[in-house]
Amino acid sequence: MKWFARVIAVVVIVALAFYAFLFIRPGQTVPKETAPVPHFSHVFVIMMENHSLDAMSPKEAPYIHQLVARYGYDSNYYGVTHVSLPNYVALLSGSTHHTHSDNPDQTFSGPTLVSEMDQHHISWQAVMESLPAAGYTGNWYPEAPGTNPVLMPKNALYGKKHNPFMLFPSLAEPDKTQVVPLRTLNQELTRGQVPDFVWITPNLCNDMHGQPIGSAACPSNQPQKLVAMGDQFLSKMVPEIMHSPAWTGHSVIFITWDEAQMPTKTVNLATWKRWLSAGPGAPRILGIPVGGGSVPLIVIANGVSKPRHLNIWADHYNLLKTIESGFGLPYIGHAASAQVAPLTPFLIPSK
């Protein structure tokens, strides 16, 4: 049996070498910070789901492609890992906490971006579309009682796995009134009374995730419909923010996607590369980075009018570090790594 073990070892080594050849880009460097991140007036983060830019055609996503052409866009940005939930947790806390599960019954501890904000008296709000009420603790809404928590009910619109704020008990109880439905933000934008930091999670139709196959609203096996619905959501949400009294000073909107979509029908080297490519903060398996794949990062910064299409090697930890830097907060988790640089070039006002 020794020969069999040797054959397996050789196969594993060859497979890892092949993976490294395909997915690790040579010469990746950390961008040098040429200027400090401007102090933010307001930050809006909109988290979408499961798409690379090349999976969203201009026909189904005209508004997204308009944003890419007009504002900041990072062509070298990645999700941290797979599946969805760890990416949300990573962006909020600087760590995946070693989970690769979408189970919404998981809980996590430790510092988060918003616990830092609480300590430094910076106001924040987590906005969840289709959340039935502030501080709702259910895994889904509408929720099917007694079902496996990982399995999405057929008509669910809200999923706790896309709401990392309710996965940290230290936040979920004392700050539950700061986790609110989208209608609350709509009212605040009209009045101009908006927290300093706002995280927005669209519902399961509008974030491009989709409901189970067979649902009437947005089944996950209709990707063109999902992309169009997400595009329509952004085409309403982004102008609403930018035309509100809150859009002043150094305000910024970051739009990104949690992870790349898993290859399905067309499986080739390009699709696997898109799905597994990694940024600087990706976890490693046998020393090889395994990331969440190539996803868009769109940066709309008030005062930065010229489009900036940059190739900054980055992932969700870079975005976290950028937000912390703009609010003068200490870096937590992997955001503290020297490999992870702030996204400063997108934020310097035009001269």
Protein backbone atom coordinates (compact mmCIF):
# COMPACT_ATOMS: atom_id res chain seq x y z
CA MET A 1 0.00 0.00 0.00
CA LYS A 2 3.02 2.30 0.26
CA TRP A 3 3.03 2.74 -3.50
CA PHE A 4 -0.63 3.80 -3.39
CA ALA A 5 0.09 6.42 -0.72
CA ARG A 6 2.99 7.73 -2.81
CA VAL A 7 0.76 7.98 -5.88
CA ILE A 8 -1.84 9.91 -3.89
CA ALA A 9 0.83 12.25 -2.54
CA VAL A 10 2.15 12.90 -6.05
CA VAL A 11 -1.39 13.56 -7.34
CA VAL A 12 -2.04 16.01 -4.51
CA ILE A 13 1.26 17.84 -5.13
CA VAL A 14 0.60 18.05 -8.87
CA ALA A 15 -2.96 19.27 -8.26
CA LEU A 16 -1.75 21.96 -5.86
CA ALA A 17 0.95 23.05 -8.27
CA PHE A 18 -1.60 23.21 -11.08
CA TYR A 19 -3.90 25.25 -8.87
CA ALA A 20 -1.07 27.61 -7.97
CA PHE A 21 -0.20 28.01 -11.65
CA LEU A 22 -3.80 28.87 -12.52
CA PHE A 23 -4.96 30.98 -9.63
CA ILE A 24 -2.02 32.76 -8.04
CA ARG A 25 -1.09 35.86 -9.96
CA PRO A 26 2.66 36.57 -9.99
CA GLY A 27 3.93 39.93 -8.90
CA GLN A 28 0.99 40.94 -6.75
CA THR A 29 1.99 43.83 -4.56
CA VAL A 30 0.44 45.83 -1.80
CA PRO A 31 -0.30 49.40 -2.96
CA LYS A 32 1.65 52.05 -1.13
CA GLU A 33 -0.49 54.59 0.69
CA THR A 34 0.34 57.95 -0.91
CA ALA A 35 -2.05 60.03 1.21
CA PRO A 36 -4.22 59.48 4.28
CA VAL A 37 -7.83 58.42 3.85
CA PRO A 38 -10.00 61.57 4.10
CA HIS A 39 -12.19 61.76 7.19
CA PHE A 40 -15.59 60.40 6.19
CA SER A 41 -18.80 62.39 6.59
CA HIS A 42 -21.01 59.40 5.82
CA VAL A 43 -20.21 55.89 4.63
CA PHE A 44 -22.75 53.63 2.92
CA VAL A 45 -21.86 49.99 2.24
CA ILE A 46 -24.22 48.08 -0.07
CA MET A 47 -23.55 44.34 -0.08
CA MET A 48 -24.80 42.38 -3.07
CA GLU A 49 -24.55 38.63 -3.75
CA ASN A 50 -22.79 36.02 -5.81
CA HIS A 51 -21.72 37.75 -9.01
CA SER A 52 -18.61 38.79 -10.88
CA LEU A 53 -18.91 41.73 -13.24
CA ASP A 54 -18.65 39.51 -16.31
CA ALA A 55 -21.73 37.62 -15.06
CA MET A 56 -23.79 40.83 -15.29
CA SER A 57 -24.29 41.87 -18.89
CA PRO A 58 -25.05 45.51 -19.80
CA LYS A 59 -28.43 44.31 -21.04
CA GLU A 60 -29.59 43.07 -17.62
CA ALA A 61 -27.45 45.48 -15.56
CA PRO A 62 -27.26 48.79 -17.43
CA TYR A 63 -27.12 50.87 -14.25
CA ILE A 64 -24.27 48.87 -12.72
CA HIS A 65 -22.21 49.25 -15.90
CA GLN A 66 -23.03 52.97 -15.88
CA LEU A 67 -21.66 53.23 -12.33
CA VAL A 68 -18.52 51.33 -13.31
CA ALA A 69 -17.93 53.69 -16.23
CA ARG A 70 -18.60 56.85 -14.24
CA TYR A 71 -17.05 56.24 -10.80
CA GLY A 72 -14.32 54.28 -9.08
CA TYR A 73 -13.93 50.60 -9.96
CA ASP A 74 -11.39 48.06 -8.70
CA SER A 75 -10.71 45.33 -11.26
CA ASN A 76 -8.59 43.31 -8.81
CA TYR A 77 -10.99 42.95 -5.87
CA TYR A 78 -12.07 39.64 -4.31
CA GLY A 79 -14.37 38.01 -1.83
CA VAL A 80 -12.49 36.56 1.14
CA THR A 81 -13.80 33.01 0.92
CA HIS A 82 -16.86 30.85 0.24
CA VAL A 83 -19.74 30.62 1.26
CA SER A 84 -21.71 33.86 1.84
CA LEU A 85 -21.88 34.19 5.62
CA PRO A 86 -18.10 34.23 6.32
CA ASN A 87 -17.67 37.15 3.91
CA TYR A 88 -20.21 39.25 5.81
CA VAL A 89 -18.56 38.37 9.11
CA ALA A 90 -15.11 39.15 7.67
CA LEU A 91 -16.09 42.61 6.48
CA LEU A 92 -17.64 43.44 9.85
CA SER A 93 -14.98 41.94 12.14
CA GLY A 94 -11.75 41.41 10.20
CA SER A 95 -11.98 37.62 10.42
CA THR A 96 -14.01 34.70 9.11
CA HIS A 97 -13.65 33.11 12.58
CA HIS A 98 -12.68 29.93 10.68
CA THR A 99 -16.20 29.27 9.47
CA HIS A 100 -17.12 28.09 5.99
CA SER A 101 -20.79 27.57 6.84
CA ASP A 102 -23.98 29.48 6.03
CA ASN A 103 -25.69 28.26 9.21
CA PRO A 104 -27.41 31.35 10.72
CA ASP A 105 -27.43 29.74 14.17
CA GLN A 106 -23.68 30.39 14.45
CA THR A 107 -22.55 33.12 16.81
CA PHE A 108 -19.26 34.98 17.00
CA SER A 109 -17.42 37.10 19.53
CA GLY A 110 -14.70 39.71 19.56
CA PRO A 111 -14.40 43.30 18.33
CA THR A 112 -16.30 44.52 15.29
CA LEU A 113 -16.28 47.66 13.20
CA VAL A 114 -19.42 48.91 14.91
CA SER A 115 -18.35 48.01 18.44
CA GLU A 116 -15.37 50.27 17.70
CA MET A 117 -17.81 52.92 16.54
CA ASP A 118 -19.78 52.60 19.77
CA GLN A 119 -16.58 53.17 21.76
CA HIS A 120 -15.69 56.25 19.71
CA HIS A 121 -19.23 57.69 19.62
CA ILE A 122 -19.68 57.24 15.88
CA SER A 123 -23.29 56.58 14.91
CA TRP A 124 -24.14 53.55 12.80
CA GLN A 125 -27.04 51.58 11.43
CA ALA A 126 -27.53 48.19 9.75
CA VAL A 127 -30.32 48.34 7.17
CA MET A 128 -31.95 45.10 6.06
CA GLU A 129 -34.53 45.17 3.31
CA SER A 130 -37.63 43.07 4.15
CA LEU A 131 -36.69 42.86 7.84
CA PRO A 132 -40.12 42.82 9.54
CA ALA A 133 -39.11 44.99 12.51
CA ALA A 134 -36.03 46.45 14.17
CA GLY A 135 -34.00 43.84 16.02
CA TYR A 136 -35.85 40.84 14.53
CA THR A 137 -33.97 37.69 15.62
CA GLY A 138 -35.40 35.06 13.27
CA ASN A 139 -33.26 33.25 10.73
CA TRP A 140 -35.59 34.04 7.83
CA TYR A 141 -38.59 36.18 7.02
CA PRO A 142 -41.10 34.93 6.18
CA GLU A 143 -39.90 31.97 8.21
CA ALA A 144 -41.06 28.35 8.02
CA PRO A 145 -41.14 27.10 11.65
CA GLY A 146 -39.25 23.95 12.52
CA THR A 147 -37.17 23.74 9.36
CA ASN A 148 -33.42 23.26 9.04
CA PRO A 149 -31.97 26.74 9.70
CA VAL A 150 -29.63 26.46 6.71
CA LEU A 151 -32.45 25.72 4.27
CA MET A 152 -34.10 28.84 2.89
CA PRO A 153 -37.92 28.83 3.05
CA LYS A 154 -39.48 29.03 -0.39
CA ASN A 155 -40.73 32.61 -0.09
CA ALA A 156 -38.12 34.08 2.27
CA LEU A 157 -36.97 37.63 1.53
CA TYR A 158 -34.76 38.30 4.55
CA GLY A 159 -31.97 35.95 5.64
CA LYS A 160 -29.97 36.35 8.85
CA LYS A 161 -26.96 34.82 7.13
CA HIS A 162 -26.69 38.16 5.28
CA ASN A 163 -27.01 40.15 8.50
CA PRO A 164 -23.74 39.74 10.41
CA PHE A 165 -24.86 42.21 13.09
CA MET A 166 -27.26 39.62 14.50
CA LEU A 167 -24.54 36.95 14.54
CA PHE A 168 -22.59 38.74 17.29
CA PRO A 169 -24.53 38.47 20.58
CA SER A 170 -22.61 41.45 21.94
CA LEU A 171 -24.26 43.55 19.21
CA ALA A 172 -27.56 41.76 18.73
CA GLU A 173 -28.96 42.54 22.18
CA PRO A 174 -27.75 46.04 23.17
CA ASP A 175 -27.79 47.47 19.64
CA LYS A 176 -30.81 45.69 18.18
CA THR A 177 -32.67 48.96 17.60
CA GLN A 178 -29.87 49.90 15.18
CA VAL A 179 -30.66 46.94 12.93
CA VAL A 180 -33.64 48.29 11.00
CA PRO A 181 -35.83 47.77 7.92
CA LEU A 182 -35.05 49.68 4.74
CA ARG A 183 -38.08 51.95 5.19
CA THR A 184 -36.35 53.49 8.22
CA LEU A 185 -33.41 54.59 6.08
CA ASN A 186 -35.77 55.93 3.41
CA GLN A 187 -37.32 58.23 6.02
CA GLU A 188 -33.92 59.28 7.40
CA LEU A 189 -32.61 60.16 3.95
CA THR A 190 -35.61 62.39 3.35
CA ARG A 191 -34.99 64.22 6.63
CA GLY A 192 -31.21 64.25 6.24
CA GLN A 193 -30.75 62.66 9.66
CA VAL A 194 -28.59 59.69 8.73
CA PRO A 195 -26.02 57.86 10.92
CA ASP A 196 -22.33 58.24 10.09
CA PHE A 197 -22.07 54.63 8.91
CA VAL A 198 -24.85 52.72 7.15
CA TRP A 199 -24.68 49.10 5.99
CA ILE A 200 -27.39 48.11 3.48
CA THR A 201 -28.32 44.50 2.69
CA PRO A 202 -31.01 44.21 -0.02
CA ASN A 203 -33.50 41.36 0.26
CA LEU A 204 -32.87 37.94 -1.28
CA CYS A 205 -34.38 38.98 -4.60
CA ASN A 206 -32.75 42.38 -4.89
CA ASP A 207 -29.25 41.30 -3.80
CA MET A 208 -29.08 38.83 -6.75
CA HIS A 209 -29.04 35.77 -4.47
CA GLY A 210 -32.51 34.48 -5.26
CA GLN A 211 -35.00 32.19 -3.58
CA PRO A 212 -35.21 28.38 -3.91
CA ILE A 213 -36.03 26.98 -7.32
CA GLY A 214 -39.80 26.95 -7.74
CA SER A 215 -40.46 30.21 -5.93
CA ALA A 216 -42.64 32.71 -7.72
CA ALA A 217 -40.69 35.91 -7.05
CA CYS A 218 -37.02 35.27 -7.89
CA PRO A 219 -35.89 31.65 -8.26
CA SER A 220 -32.14 31.18 -8.12
CA ASN A 221 -32.12 29.36 -11.47
CA GLN A 222 -33.10 32.55 -13.31
CA PRO A 223 -29.82 34.51 -13.14
CA GLN A 224 -30.76 37.12 -15.74
CA LYS A 225 -33.87 38.05 -13.77
CA LEU A 226 -31.86 38.26 -10.54
CA VAL A 227 -29.25 40.52 -12.11
CA ALA A 228 -31.98 42.80 -13.48
CA MET A 229 -33.68 43.00 -10.07
CA GLY A 230 -30.41 43.87 -8.35
CA ASP A 231 -29.66 46.49 -10.96
CA GLN A 232 -33.08 48.06 -10.46
CA PHE A 233 -32.59 48.14 -6.70
CA LEU A 234 -29.28 49.98 -7.05
CA SER A 235 -30.74 52.35 -9.63
CA LYS A 236 -33.19 53.54 -6.96
CA MET A 237 -31.05 53.27 -3.82
CA VAL A 238 -27.91 55.03 -5.04
CA PRO A 239 -29.66 58.18 -6.37
CA GLU A 240 -31.77 58.32 -3.22
CA ILE A 241 -28.56 58.53 -1.17
CA MET A 242 -26.79 60.94 -3.51
CA HIS A 243 -29.77 63.31 -3.72
CA SER A 244 -30.32 63.38 0.03
CA PRO A 245 -29.10 66.07 2.46
CA ALA A 246 -26.70 63.43 3.88
CA TRP A 247 -24.58 63.47 0.70
CA THR A 248 -22.13 66.11 1.87
CA GLY A 249 -18.42 66.49 2.58
CA HIS A 250 -16.40 63.31 2.21
CA SER A 251 -19.36 60.94 1.90
CA VAL A 252 -18.84 57.68 0.04
CA ILE A 253 -20.82 54.68 -1.21
CA PHE A 254 -19.06 51.32 -1.48
CA ILE A 255 -20.95 48.73 -3.54
CA THR A 256 -19.57 45.21 -3.56
CA TRP A 257 -20.58 41.55 -3.80
CA ASP A 258 -19.86 38.94 -1.13
CA GLU A 259 -18.34 36.25 -3.38
CA ALA A 260 -18.22 35.14 -7.00
CA GLN A 261 -20.85 32.77 -8.32
CA MET A 262 -20.08 29.04 -8.34
CA PRO A 263 -19.47 27.60 -11.81
CA THR A 264 -22.52 25.67 -13.03
CA LYS A 265 -23.27 25.08 -16.70
CA THR A 266 -20.10 26.38 -18.34
CA VAL A 267 -17.23 24.91 -16.36
CA ASN A 268 -13.83 25.89 -17.71
CA LEU A 269 -10.56 27.24 -16.35
CA ALA A 270 -11.74 30.83 -16.56
CA THR A 271 -14.86 30.22 -14.45
CA TRP A 272 -12.93 28.27 -11.82
CA LYS A 273 -10.31 30.99 -11.66
CA ARG A 274 -13.00 33.63 -11.22
CA TRP A 275 -14.55 31.60 -8.39
CA LEU A 276 -11.36 30.78 -6.45
CA SER A 277 -9.11 33.80 -6.98
CA ALA A 278 -7.89 35.39 -3.77
CA GLY A 279 -7.04 38.78 -2.31
CA PRO A 280 -4.40 39.56 0.32
CA GLY A 281 -6.51 38.41 3.27
CA ALA A 282 -7.74 35.06 1.95
CA PRO A 283 -7.43 31.93 4.12
CA ARG A 284 -4.85 29.38 3.02
CA ILE A 285 -5.18 25.66 2.51
CA LEU A 286 -1.82 23.86 2.58
CA GLY A 287 -0.22 27.25 2.15
CA ILE A 288 -2.19 28.16 -0.98
CA PRO A 289 -4.68 31.07 -0.78
CA VAL A 290 -8.25 30.05 -1.55
CA GLY A 291 -10.42 33.14 -1.92
CA GLY A 292 -13.99 34.12 -2.66
CA GLY A 293 -13.35 34.91 -6.29
CA SER A 294 -13.38 38.05 -8.39
CA VAL A 295 -16.18 40.47 -7.48
CA PRO A 296 -16.84 44.12 -8.32
CA LEU A 297 -16.03 46.99 -6.02
CA ILE A 298 -17.63 50.27 -7.06
CA VAL A 299 -16.60 53.40 -5.16
CA ILE A 300 -18.74 56.55 -5.41
CA ALA A 301 -16.97 59.30 -3.49
CA ASN A 302 -18.42 62.78 -3.15
CA GLY A 303 -16.04 65.26 -4.75
CA VAL A 304 -14.31 62.63 -6.90
CA SER A 305 -15.93 63.23 -10.26
CA LYS A 306 -13.53 61.56 -12.68
CA PRO A 307 -13.79 57.79 -13.16
CA ARG A 308 -10.92 55.89 -11.55
CA HIS A 309 -10.48 52.38 -12.85
CA LEU A 310 -7.69 50.96 -10.74
CA ASN A 311 -6.10 47.56 -10.30
CA ILE A 312 -5.64 47.49 -6.52
CA TRP A 313 -5.13 43.96 -5.18
CA ALA A 314 -7.73 43.92 -2.41
CA ASP A 315 -10.56 42.09 -0.69
CA HIS A 316 -13.14 42.78 2.03
CA TYR A 317 -10.41 43.34 4.63
CA ASN A 318 -9.09 46.28 2.60
CA LEU A 319 -12.57 47.77 2.58
CA LEU A 320 -12.83 47.32 6.35
CA LYS A 321 -9.43 48.98 6.83
CA THR A 322 -10.47 51.89 4.59
CA ILE A 323 -13.60 52.54 6.65
CA GLU A 324 -11.68 52.29 9.92
CA SER A 325 -9.02 54.66 8.62
CA GLY A 326 -11.57 57.23 7.43
CA PHE A 327 -13.22 57.26 10.86
CA GLY A 328 -9.93 57.27 12.78
CA LEU A 329 -10.48 53.82 14.30
CA PRO A 330 -7.89 51.16 15.19
CA TYR A 331 -7.57 48.24 12.79
CA ILE A 332 -9.02 44.90 13.83
CA GLY A 333 -8.31 41.35 12.69
CA HIS A 334 -6.75 40.96 9.27
CA ALA A 335 -7.35 44.65 8.54
CA ALA A 336 -4.30 45.29 10.74
CA SER A 337 -2.03 43.34 8.38
CA ALA A 338 0.64 45.23 6.46
CA GLN A 339 -0.48 43.24 3.41
CA VAL A 340 -3.86 44.97 3.58
CA ALA A 341 -3.79 48.57 2.39
CA PRO A 342 -6.56 51.20 2.50
CA LEU A 343 -8.26 52.00 -0.80
CA THR A 344 -7.01 55.59 -0.63
CA PRO A 345 -6.61 56.28 -4.38
CA PHE A 346 -10.37 56.06 -4.89
CA LEU A 347 -11.05 58.70 -2.24
CA ILE A 348 -8.80 61.68 -2.92
CA PRO A 349 -10.97 64.56 -4.21
CA SER A 350 -10.36 65.74 -7.76
CA LYS A 351 -8.32 68.91 -8.19
